[in-house]
C-alpha atoms as a PDB file:
ATOM      1  CA  ILE A   1      -0.057   0.254   0.166  1.00  0.00           C
ATOM      2  CA  LEU A   2       2.315   2.305   0.824  1.00  0.00           C
ATOM      3  CA  TRP A   3       4.107   1.846  -2.787  1.00  0.00           C
ATOM      4  CA  LYS A   4       1.027   2.718  -4.258  1.00  0.00           C
ATOM      5  CA  LEU A   5       0.313   5.631  -2.033  1.00  0.00           C
ATOM      6  CA  LYS A   6       4.140   7.286  -2.183  1.00  0.00           C
ATOM      7  CA  LYS A   7       3.975   8.589   1.291  1.00  0.00           C
ATOM      8  CA  GLY A   8       1.467   7.933   4.209  1.00  0.00           C
ATOM      9  CA  PHE A   9       0.543   8.208   7.725  1.00  0.00           C
ATOM     10  CA  VAL A  10      -0.250   5.072   9.645  1.00  0.00           C
ATOM     11  CA  LYS A  11      -3.937   6.559   8.933  1.00  0.00           C
ATOM     12  CA  ASP A  12      -3.312   6.878   5.765  1.00  0.00           C
ATOM     13  CA  ILE A  13      -2.435   3.142   5.078  1.00  0.00           C
ATOM     14  CA  LEU A  14      -5.181   1.987   6.999  1.00  0.00           C
ATOM     15  CA  GLU A  15      -7.581   3.651   4.671  1.00  0.00           C
ATOM     16  CA  HIS A  16      -6.630   1.610   1.565  1.00  0.00           C
ATOM     17  CA  PHE A  17      -6.933  -1.785   3.478  1.00  0.00           C
ATOM     18  CA  ASP A  18      -9.950  -3.531   3.276  1.00  0.00           C
ATOM     19  CA  ASP A  19     -12.717  -4.270   5.665  1.00  0.00           C
ATOM     20  CA  PRO A  20     -12.140  -5.970   8.430  1.00  0.00           C
ATOM     21  CA  LYS A  21      -9.244  -3.372   8.562  1.00  0.00           C
ATOM     22  CA  PRO A  22      -6.307  -4.213  10.834  1.00  0.00           C
ATOM     23  CA  ALA A  23      -5.994  -2.594  14.209  1.00  0.00           C
ATOM     24  CA  TYR A  24      -3.738   0.971  13.874  1.00  0.00           C
ATOM     25  CA  ASN A  25      -1.160  -0.321  16.267  1.00  0.00           C
ATOM     26  CA  THR A  26      -0.688  -3.518  14.035  1.00  0.00           C
ATOM     27  CA  VAL A  27      -0.308  -1.216  10.919  1.00  0.00           C
ATOM     28  CA  SER A  28       1.852   1.074  12.679  1.00  0.00           C
ATOM     29  CA  THR A  29       4.016  -1.771  14.064  1.00  0.00           C
ATOM     30  CA  ILE A  30       4.878  -3.231  10.703  1.00  0.00           C
ATOM     31  CA  VAL A  31       5.667  -0.058   9.366  1.00  0.00           C
ATOM     32  CA  ARG A  32       8.030   0.068  11.997  1.00  0.00           C
ATOM     33  CA  ILE A  33       9.291  -2.782  11.496  1.00  0.00           C
ATOM     34  CA  LEU A  34       9.482  -1.925   7.512  1.00  0.00           C
ATOM     35  CA  GLN A  35      11.587   1.031   8.962  1.00  0.00           C
ATOM     36  CA  SER A  36      13.716  -0.720  11.244  1.00  0.00           C
ATOM     37  CA  LYS A  37      14.882  -3.192   7.916  1.00  0.00           C
ATOM     38  CA  GLY A  38      15.553  -0.120   5.728  1.00  0.00           C
ATOM     39  CA  PHE A  39      12.562  -0.407   3.567  1.00  0.00           C
ATOM     40  CA  VAL A  40      10.757   2.198   4.360  1.00  0.00           C
ATOM     41  CA  ASP A  41      12.063   5.641   6.446  1.00  0.00           C
ATOM     42  CA  TYR A  42       9.881   8.516   7.926  1.00  0.00           C
ATOM     43  CA  LYS A  43       9.796  12.804   8.531  1.00  0.00           C
ATOM     44  CA  ALA A  44       8.916  13.118  11.510  1.00  0.00           C
ATOM     45  CA  TYR A  45       6.374  15.968  12.738  1.00  0.00           C
ATOM     46  CA  GLY A  46       6.281  16.332  16.432  1.00  0.00           C
ATOM     47  CA  ARG A  47       5.427  13.047  17.596  1.00  0.00           C
ATOM     48  CA  THR A  48       3.061  11.852  14.098  1.00  0.00           C
ATOM     49  CA  HIS A  49       5.613  10.508  10.900  1.00  0.00           C
ATOM     50  CA  GLU A  50       5.273  10.367   7.215  1.00  0.00           C
ATOM     51  CA  TYR A  51       6.464   7.158   6.147  1.00  0.00           C
ATOM     52  CA  PHE A  52       7.659   7.004   2.525  1.00  0.00           C
ATOM     53  CA  PRO A  53       9.643   3.903   0.599  1.00  0.00           C
ATOM     54  CA  ILE A  54      13.677   4.062   0.196  1.00  0.00           C
ATOM     55  CA  VAL A  55      13.598   0.992  -2.213  1.00  0.00           C
ATOM     56  CA  SER A  56      11.339  -0.134  -4.861  1.00  0.00           C
ATOM     57  CA  LYS A  57       8.205  -2.310  -4.855  1.00  0.00           C
ATOM     58  CA  ASP A  58      10.503  -4.675  -6.806  1.00  0.00           C
ATOM     59  CA  GLU A  59      13.529  -4.453  -4.711  1.00  0.00           C
ATOM     60  CA  TYR A  60      11.161  -5.185  -1.227  1.00  0.00           C
ATOM     61  CA  SER A  61       9.173  -8.135  -3.569  1.00  0.00           C
ATOM     62  CA  LYS A  62      12.436 -10.078  -4.148  1.00  0.00           C
ATOM     63  CA  PHE A  63      13.595  -9.796  -0.472  1.00  0.00           C
ATOM     64  CA  HIS A  64      10.505 -11.154   0.427  1.00  0.00           C
ATOM     65  CA  MET A  65      10.027 -13.956  -1.647  1.00  0.00           C
ATOM     66  CA  SER A  66      13.475 -14.916  -0.950  1.00  0.00           C
ATOM     67  CA  SER A  67      13.053 -15.082   2.516  1.00  0.00           C
ATOM     68  CA  PHE A  68       9.785 -16.631   2.215  1.00  0.00           C
ATOM     69  CA  ILE A  69      11.581 -19.451  -0.124  1.00  0.00           C
ATOM     70  CA  ASN A  70      14.043 -19.998   2.661  1.00  0.00           C
ATOM     71  CA  ASP A  71      12.002 -20.414   5.770  1.00  0.00           C
ATOM     72  CA  TYR A  72       9.437 -22.624   4.254  1.00  0.00           C
ATOM     73  CA  PHE A  73      10.950 -24.426   1.407  1.00  0.00           C
ATOM     74  CA  SER A  74      14.541 -24.605   2.827  1.00  0.00           C
ATOM     75  CA  ASN A  75      15.660 -21.928   0.161  1.00  0.00           C
ATOM     76  CA  SER A  76      14.458 -24.705  -2.715  1.00  0.00           C
ATOM     77  CA  PHE A  77      12.209 -22.674  -5.720  1.00  0.00           C
ATOM     78  CA  GLY A  78      11.754 -26.489  -7.011  1.00  0.00           C
ATOM     79  CA  LYS A  79      10.248 -27.709  -3.495  1.00  0.00           C
ATOM     80  CA  MET A  80       8.092 -24.703  -3.704  1.00  0.00           C
ATOM     81  CA  VAL A  81       6.538 -24.826  -7.365  1.00  0.00           C
ATOM     82  CA  SER A  82       6.075 -28.849  -6.317  1.00  0.00           C
ATOM     83  CA  PHE A  83       4.266 -27.858  -3.185  1.00  0.00           C
ATOM     84  CA  PHE A  84       1.711 -25.623  -5.012  1.00  0.00           C
ATOM     85  CA  ALA A  85       1.797 -27.674  -8.115  1.00  0.00           C
ATOM     86  CA  ARG A  86       0.902 -31.180  -5.575  1.00  0.00           C
ATOM     87  CA  GLU A  87      -1.610 -28.557  -3.445  1.00  0.00           C
ATOM     88  CA  ASN A  88      -3.579 -28.291  -7.349  1.00  0.00           C
ATOM     89  CA  HIS A  89      -2.703 -24.025  -7.025  1.00  0.00           C
ATOM     90  CA  ILE A  90      -0.902 -23.844 -10.044  1.00  0.00           C
ATOM     91  CA  SER A  91      -2.789 -24.846 -13.318  1.00  0.00           C
ATOM     92  CA  VAL A  92      -1.922 -27.042 -16.514  1.00  0.00           C
ATOM     93  CA  ARG A  93      -1.125 -23.511 -18.319  1.00  0.00           C
ATOM     94  CA  GLU A  94       0.876 -22.211 -15.287  1.00  0.00           C
ATOM     95  CA  MET A  95       3.097 -24.932 -15.049  1.00  0.00           C
ATOM     96  CA  GLU A  96       3.448 -25.124 -18.575  1.00  0.00           C
ATOM     97  CA  GLU A  97       4.674 -21.236 -18.414  1.00  0.00           C
ATOM     98  CA  ILE A  98       7.252 -22.379 -15.781  1.00  0.00           C
ATOM     99  CA  MET A  99       8.574 -24.597 -17.178  1.00  0.00           C
ATOM    100  CA  GLN A 100       8.886 -22.411 -20.929  1.00  0.00           C
ATOM    101  CA  ILE A 101      10.062 -19.726 -18.405  1.00  0.00           C
ATOM    102  CA  MET A 102      12.630 -22.263 -17.080  1.00  0.00           C
ATOM    103  CA  GLU A 103      13.901 -23.633 -20.468  1.00  0.00           C
ATOM    104  CA  ASN A 104      14.704 -20.060 -21.209  1.00  0.00           C
ATOM    105  CA  GLU A 105      17.001 -19.481 -18.393  1.00  0.00           C
ATOM    106  CA  VAL A 106      18.769 -22.683 -18.960  1.00  0.00           C
ATOM    107  CA  LYS A 107      19.639 -22.071 -22.528  1.00  0.00           C
ATOM    108  CA  LYS A 108      20.907 -18.490 -21.254  1.00  0.00           C
ATOM    109  CA  GLN A 109      22.563 -19.943 -18.527  1.00  0.00           C
ATOM    110  CA  LYS A 110      24.006 -22.758 -19.967  1.00  0.00           C
ATOM    111  CA  PRO A 111      28.010 -22.059 -21.252  1.00  0.00           C
ATOM    112  CA  GLU A 112      28.302 -22.582 -25.155  1.00  0.00           C
ATOM    113  CA  LYS A 113      30.067 -25.501 -26.620  1.00  0.00           C
END
């Protein structure tokens, strides 16, 4: 939400959540954690803080996905894809797309003879 807003106070961020909205303190805590990890920063106005991202949404997404794969799938993308394929969360079309992407990457990374 903050990346879409570009900057905002906790109340601004909270307004963009669907109902039921999380508690104000929950959003405040999450934003402070993102700040402590170097993803967002803030400008203080007295006791109020206006937060803004200091890394791109893509950079944050890469970090978040890497952490997710590491924490839940022993840092194995293959295990993650297998899990979702077995649980029927990936359609045949999506699996074919993933296979095509992987084949293209293998060709790019494979040393030429």
